[in-house]
């Protein structure tokens, strides 16, 4: 289920991208495994754009 849309910044390579906040089987597991698509870092800052 999609809970909202986020603007995401990678603290390692400064790449910015849009992402969704989604849950899998009513857990937050899917949001914890996200990585930067450019460098693969987990050091991300999420800023809410739209909350559903």
PDB file of N, CA and C in Angstrom:
ATOM      1  N   UNK A   1       0.842  -1.175   0.000  1.00  0.00           N
ATOM      2  CA  UNK A   1       0.000   0.000   0.000  1.00  0.00           C
ATOM      3  C   UNK A   1       0.893   1.245   0.000  1.00  0.00           C
ATOM      4  N   UNK A   2       0.543   2.212  -0.794  1.00  0.00           N
ATOM      5  CA  UNK A   2       1.298   3.465  -0.863  1.00  0.00           C
ATOM      6  C   UNK A   2       0.767   4.415   0.204  1.00  0.00           C
ATOM      7  N   UNK A   3       1.697   4.978   1.010  1.00  0.00           N
ATOM      8  CA  UNK A   3       1.299   5.898   2.079  1.00  0.00           C
ATOM      9  C   UNK A   3       1.613   7.350   1.754  1.00  0.00           C
ATOM     10  N   UNK A   4       2.503   7.598   0.800  1.00  0.00           N
ATOM     11  CA  UNK A   4       2.842   8.968   0.444  1.00  0.00           C
ATOM     12  C   UNK A   4       3.991   9.028  -0.539  1.00  0.00           C
ATOM     13  N   UNK A   5       4.302  10.239  -1.001  1.00  0.00           N
ATOM     14  CA  UNK A   5       5.404  10.466  -1.928  1.00  0.00           C
ATOM     15  C   UNK A   5       6.445  11.339  -1.247  1.00  0.00           C
ATOM     16  N   UNK A   6       7.721  11.036  -1.498  1.00  0.00           N
ATOM     17  CA  UNK A   6       8.808  11.738  -0.831  1.00  0.00           C
ATOM     18  C   UNK A   6       9.853  12.214  -1.817  1.00  0.00           C
ATOM     19  N   UNK A   7      10.465  13.332  -1.500  1.00  0.00           N
ATOM     20  CA  UNK A   7      11.664  13.798  -2.178  1.00  0.00           C
ATOM     21  C   UNK A   7      12.822  13.251  -1.348  1.00  0.00           C
ATOM     22  N   UNK A   8      13.761  12.554  -1.959  1.00  0.00           N
ATOM     23  CA  UNK A   8      14.819  11.881  -1.229  1.00  0.00           C
ATOM     24  C   UNK A   8      16.174  12.415  -1.666  1.00  0.00           C
ATOM     25  N   UNK A   9      17.055  12.673  -0.685  1.00  0.00           N
ATOM     26  CA  UNK A   9      18.428  13.130  -0.931  1.00  0.00           C
ATOM     27  C   UNK A   9      19.392  12.102  -0.376  1.00  0.00           C
ATOM     28  N   UNK A  10      20.395  11.745  -1.162  1.00  0.00           N
ATOM     29  CA  UNK A  10      21.458  10.855  -0.694  1.00  0.00           C
ATOM     30  C   UNK A  10      22.539  11.719  -0.053  1.00  0.00           C
ATOM     31  N   UNK A  11      22.896  11.411   1.182  1.00  0.00           N
ATOM     32  CA  UNK A  11      23.920  12.188   1.879  1.00  0.00           C
ATOM     33  C   UNK A  11      25.326  11.868   1.396  1.00  0.00           C
ATOM     34  N   UNK A  12      25.502  10.733   0.732  1.00  0.00           N
ATOM     35  CA  UNK A  12      26.829  10.326   0.271  1.00  0.00           C
ATOM     36  C   UNK A  12      27.194  10.952  -1.067  1.00  0.00           C
ATOM     37  N   UNK A  13      26.296  10.819  -2.074  1.00  0.00           N
ATOM     38  CA  UNK A  13      26.629  11.309  -3.418  1.00  0.00           C
ATOM     39  C   UNK A  13      25.816  12.530  -3.836  1.00  0.00           C
ATOM     40  N   UNK A  14      24.909  13.017  -2.947  1.00  0.00           N
ATOM     41  CA  UNK A  14      24.079  14.211  -3.187  1.00  0.00           C
ATOM     42  C   UNK A  14      23.055  14.027  -4.310  1.00  0.00           C
ATOM     43  N   UNK A  15      22.779  12.798  -4.701  1.00  0.00           N
ATOM     44  CA  UNK A  15      21.758  12.512  -5.715  1.00  0.00           C
ATOM     45  C   UNK A  15      20.382  12.755  -5.103  1.00  0.00           C
ATOM     46  N   UNK A  16      19.471  13.348  -5.850  1.00  0.00           N
ATOM     47  CA  UNK A  16      18.109  13.555  -5.357  1.00  0.00           C
ATOM     48  C   UNK A  16      17.127  12.910  -6.326  1.00  0.00           C
ATOM     49  N   UNK A  17      16.092  12.296  -5.745  1.00  0.00           N
ATOM     50  CA  UNK A  17      15.103  11.602  -6.548  1.00  0.00           C
ATOM     51  C   UNK A  17      13.789  11.543  -5.792  1.00  0.00           C
ATOM     52  N   UNK A  18      12.713  11.244  -6.514  1.00  0.00           N
ATOM     53  CA  UNK A  18      11.394  11.083  -5.914  1.00  0.00           C
ATOM     54  C   UNK A  18      11.170   9.602  -5.633  1.00  0.00           C
ATOM     55  N   UNK A  19      10.468   9.313  -4.537  1.00  0.00           N
ATOM     56  CA  UNK A  19      10.237   7.938  -4.138  1.00  0.00           C
ATOM     57  C   UNK A  19       8.879   7.833  -3.466  1.00  0.00           C
ATOM     58  N   UNK A  20       8.365   6.621  -3.349  1.00  0.00           N
ATOM     59  CA  UNK A  20       7.103   6.409  -2.650  1.00  0.00           C
ATOM     60  C   UNK A  20       7.385   5.774  -1.298  1.00  0.00           C
ATOM     61  N   UNK A  21       6.524   6.052  -0.346  1.00  0.00           N
ATOM     62  CA  UNK A  21       6.569   5.391   0.952  1.00  0.00           C
ATOM     63  C   UNK A  21       5.511   4.301   0.896  1.00  0.00           C
ATOM     64  N   UNK A  22       5.948   3.055   0.875  1.00  0.00           N
ATOM     65  CA  UNK A  22       5.017   1.936   0.729  1.00  0.00           C
ATOM     66  C   UNK A  22       5.262   0.919   1.825  1.00  0.00           C
ATOM     67  N   UNK A  23       4.250   0.140   2.088  1.00  0.00           N
ATOM     68  CA  UNK A  23       4.393  -0.915   3.085  1.00  0.00           C
ATOM     69  C   UNK A  23       4.095  -2.264   2.436  1.00  0.00           C
ATOM     70  N   UNK A  24       4.747  -3.295   2.945  1.00  0.00           N
ATOM     71  CA  UNK A  24       4.560  -4.650   2.455  1.00  0.00           C
ATOM     72  C   UNK A  24       3.986  -5.476   3.591  1.00  0.00           C
ATOM     73  N   UNK A  25       2.854  -6.083   3.386  1.00  0.00           N
ATOM     74  CA  UNK A  25       2.194  -6.906   4.409  1.00  0.00           C
ATOM     75  C   UNK A  25       2.007  -6.151   5.718  1.00  0.00           C
ATOM     76  N   UNK A  26       1.613  -4.894   5.647  1.00  0.00           N
ATOM     77  CA  UNK A  26       1.342  -4.040   6.808  1.00  0.00           C
ATOM     78  C   UNK A  26       2.558  -3.850   7.705  1.00  0.00           C
ATOM     79  N   UNK A  27       3.769  -3.835   7.126  1.00  0.00           N
ATOM     80  CA  UNK A  27       4.990  -3.564   7.884  1.00  0.00           C
ATOM     81  C   UNK A  27       5.738  -2.426   7.203  1.00  0.00           C
ATOM     82  N   UNK A  28       6.702  -1.861   7.883  1.00  0.00           N
ATOM     83  CA  UNK A  28       7.524  -0.800   7.298  1.00  0.00           C
ATOM     84  C   UNK A  28       8.797  -1.372   6.689  1.00  0.00           C
ATOM     85  N   UNK A  29       8.862  -2.675   6.530  1.00  0.00           N
ATOM     86  CA  UNK A  29      10.063  -3.342   6.031  1.00  0.00           C
ATOM     87  C   UNK A  29      10.518  -2.794   4.684  1.00  0.00           C
ATOM     88  N   UNK A  30       9.593  -2.483   3.791  1.00  0.00           N
ATOM     89  CA  UNK A  30       9.962  -2.017   2.456  1.00  0.00           C
ATOM     90  C   UNK A  30      10.648  -0.653   2.501  1.00  0.00           C
ATOM     91  N   UNK A  31      10.286   0.211   3.448  1.00  0.00           N
ATOM     92  CA  UNK A  31      10.901   1.536   3.509  1.00  0.00           C
ATOM     93  C   UNK A  31      12.295   1.478   4.108  1.00  0.00           C
ATOM     94  N   UNK A  32      12.585   0.475   4.918  1.00  0.00           N
ATOM     95  CA  UNK A  32      13.896   0.380   5.549  1.00  0.00           C
ATOM     96  C   UNK A  32      14.966  -0.163   4.614  1.00  0.00           C
ATOM     97  N   UNK A  33      14.575  -0.833   3.546  1.00  0.00           N
ATOM     98  CA  UNK A  33      15.542  -1.451   2.644  1.00  0.00           C
ATOM     99  C   UNK A  33      15.900  -0.570   1.450  1.00  0.00           C
ATOM    100  N   UNK A  34      15.394   0.640   1.382  1.00  0.00           N
ATOM    101  CA  UNK A  34      15.643   1.499   0.232  1.00  0.00           C
ATOM    102  C   UNK A  34      17.096   1.968   0.210  1.00  0.00           C
ATOM    103  N   UNK A  35      17.612   2.094  -1.000  1.00  0.00           N
ATOM    104  CA  UNK A  35      18.983   2.565  -1.216  1.00  0.00           C
ATOM    105  C   UNK A  35      18.998   3.583  -2.350  1.00  0.00           C
ATOM    106  N   UNK A  36      20.047   4.358  -2.409  1.00  0.00           N
ATOM    107  CA  UNK A  36      20.227   5.321  -3.492  1.00  0.00           C
ATOM    108  C   UNK A  36      20.422   4.550  -4.801  1.00  0.00           C
ATOM    109  N   UNK A  37      19.676   4.893  -5.865  1.00  0.00           N
ATOM    110  CA  UNK A  37      19.839   4.181  -7.129  1.00  0.00           C
ATOM    111  C   UNK A  37      21.165   4.487  -7.824  1.00  0.00           C
ATOM    112  N   UNK A  38      21.830   5.567  -7.439  1.00  0.00           N
ATOM    113  CA  UNK A  38      23.088   5.950  -8.086  1.00  0.00           C
ATOM    114  C   UNK A  38      24.298   5.282  -7.444  1.00  0.00           C
ATOM    115  N   UNK A  39      24.390   5.350  -6.084  1.00  0.00           N
ATOM    116  CA  UNK A  39      25.592   4.835  -5.419  1.00  0.00           C
ATOM    117  C   UNK A  39      25.326   3.646  -4.502  1.00  0.00           C
ATOM    118  N   UNK A  40      24.046   3.356  -4.192  1.00  0.00           N
ATOM    119  CA  UNK A  40      23.715   2.219  -3.352  1.00  0.00           C
ATOM    120  C   UNK A  40      23.775   2.493  -1.857  1.00  0.00           C
ATOM    121  N   UNK A  41      23.982   3.731  -1.457  1.00  0.00           N
ATOM    122  CA  UNK A  41      24.088   4.092  -0.046  1.00  0.00           C
ATOM    123  C   UNK A  41      22.720   4.053   0.640  1.00  0.00           C
ATOM    124  N   UNK A  42      22.736   3.750   1.948  1.00  0.00           N
ATOM    125  CA  UNK A  42      21.508   3.794   2.746  1.00  0.00           C
ATOM    126  C   UNK A  42      21.372   5.120   3.492  1.00  0.00           C
ATOM    127  N   UNK A  43      22.302   6.050   3.292  1.00  0.00           N
ATOM    128  CA  UNK A  43      22.275   7.341   3.985  1.00  0.00           C
ATOM    129  C   UNK A  43      21.357   8.302   3.237  1.00  0.00           C
ATOM    130  N   UNK A  44      20.054   8.168   3.466  1.00  0.00           N
ATOM    131  CA  UNK A  44      19.064   8.957   2.750  1.00  0.00           C
ATOM    132  C   UNK A  44      18.280   9.853   3.685  1.00  0.00           C
ATOM    133  N   UNK A  45      17.893  11.032   3.191  1.00  0.00           N
ATOM    134  CA  UNK A  45      17.031  11.944   3.914  1.00  0.00           C
ATOM    135  C   UNK A  45      15.747  12.053   3.108  1.00  0.00           C
ATOM    136  N   UNK A  46      14.608  11.773   3.755  1.00  0.00           N
ATOM    137  CA  UNK A  46      13.317  11.826   3.073  1.00  0.00           C
ATOM    138  C   UNK A  46      12.532  13.053   3.534  1.00  0.00           C
ATOM    139  N   UNK A  47      12.020  13.817   2.578  1.00  0.00           N
ATOM    140  CA  UNK A  47      11.210  14.990   2.874  1.00  0.00           C
ATOM    141  C   UNK A  47       9.842  14.742   2.250  1.00  0.00           C
ATOM    142  N   UNK A  48       8.766  14.738   3.064  1.00  0.00           N
ATOM    143  CA  UNK A  48       7.428  14.456   2.517  1.00  0.00           C
ATOM    144  C   UNK A  48       6.999  15.472   1.472  1.00  0.00           C
ATOM    145  N   UNK A  49       6.484  14.978   0.346  1.00  0.00           N
ATOM    146  CA  UNK A  49       5.887  15.824  -0.674  1.00  0.00           C
ATOM    147  C   UNK A  49       4.372  15.762  -0.540  1.00  0.00           C
ATOM    148  N   UNK A  50       3.835  14.552  -0.478  1.00  0.00           N
ATOM    149  CA  UNK A  50       2.405  14.323  -0.368  1.00  0.00           C
ATOM    150  C   UNK A  50       2.176  13.161   0.591  1.00  0.00           C
ATOM    151  N   UNK A  51       1.340  13.360   1.575  1.00  0.00           N
ATOM    152  CA  UNK A  51       0.953  12.253   2.445  1.00  0.00           C
ATOM    153  C   UNK A  51      -0.455  11.849   2.088  1.00  0.00           C
ATOM    154  N   UNK A  52      -0.685  10.574   1.897  1.00  0.00           N
ATOM    155  CA  UNK A  52      -2.013  10.085   1.524  1.00  0.00           C
ATOM    156  C   UNK A  52      -2.801   9.733   2.754  1.00  0.00           C
TER     157      UNK A  52
END
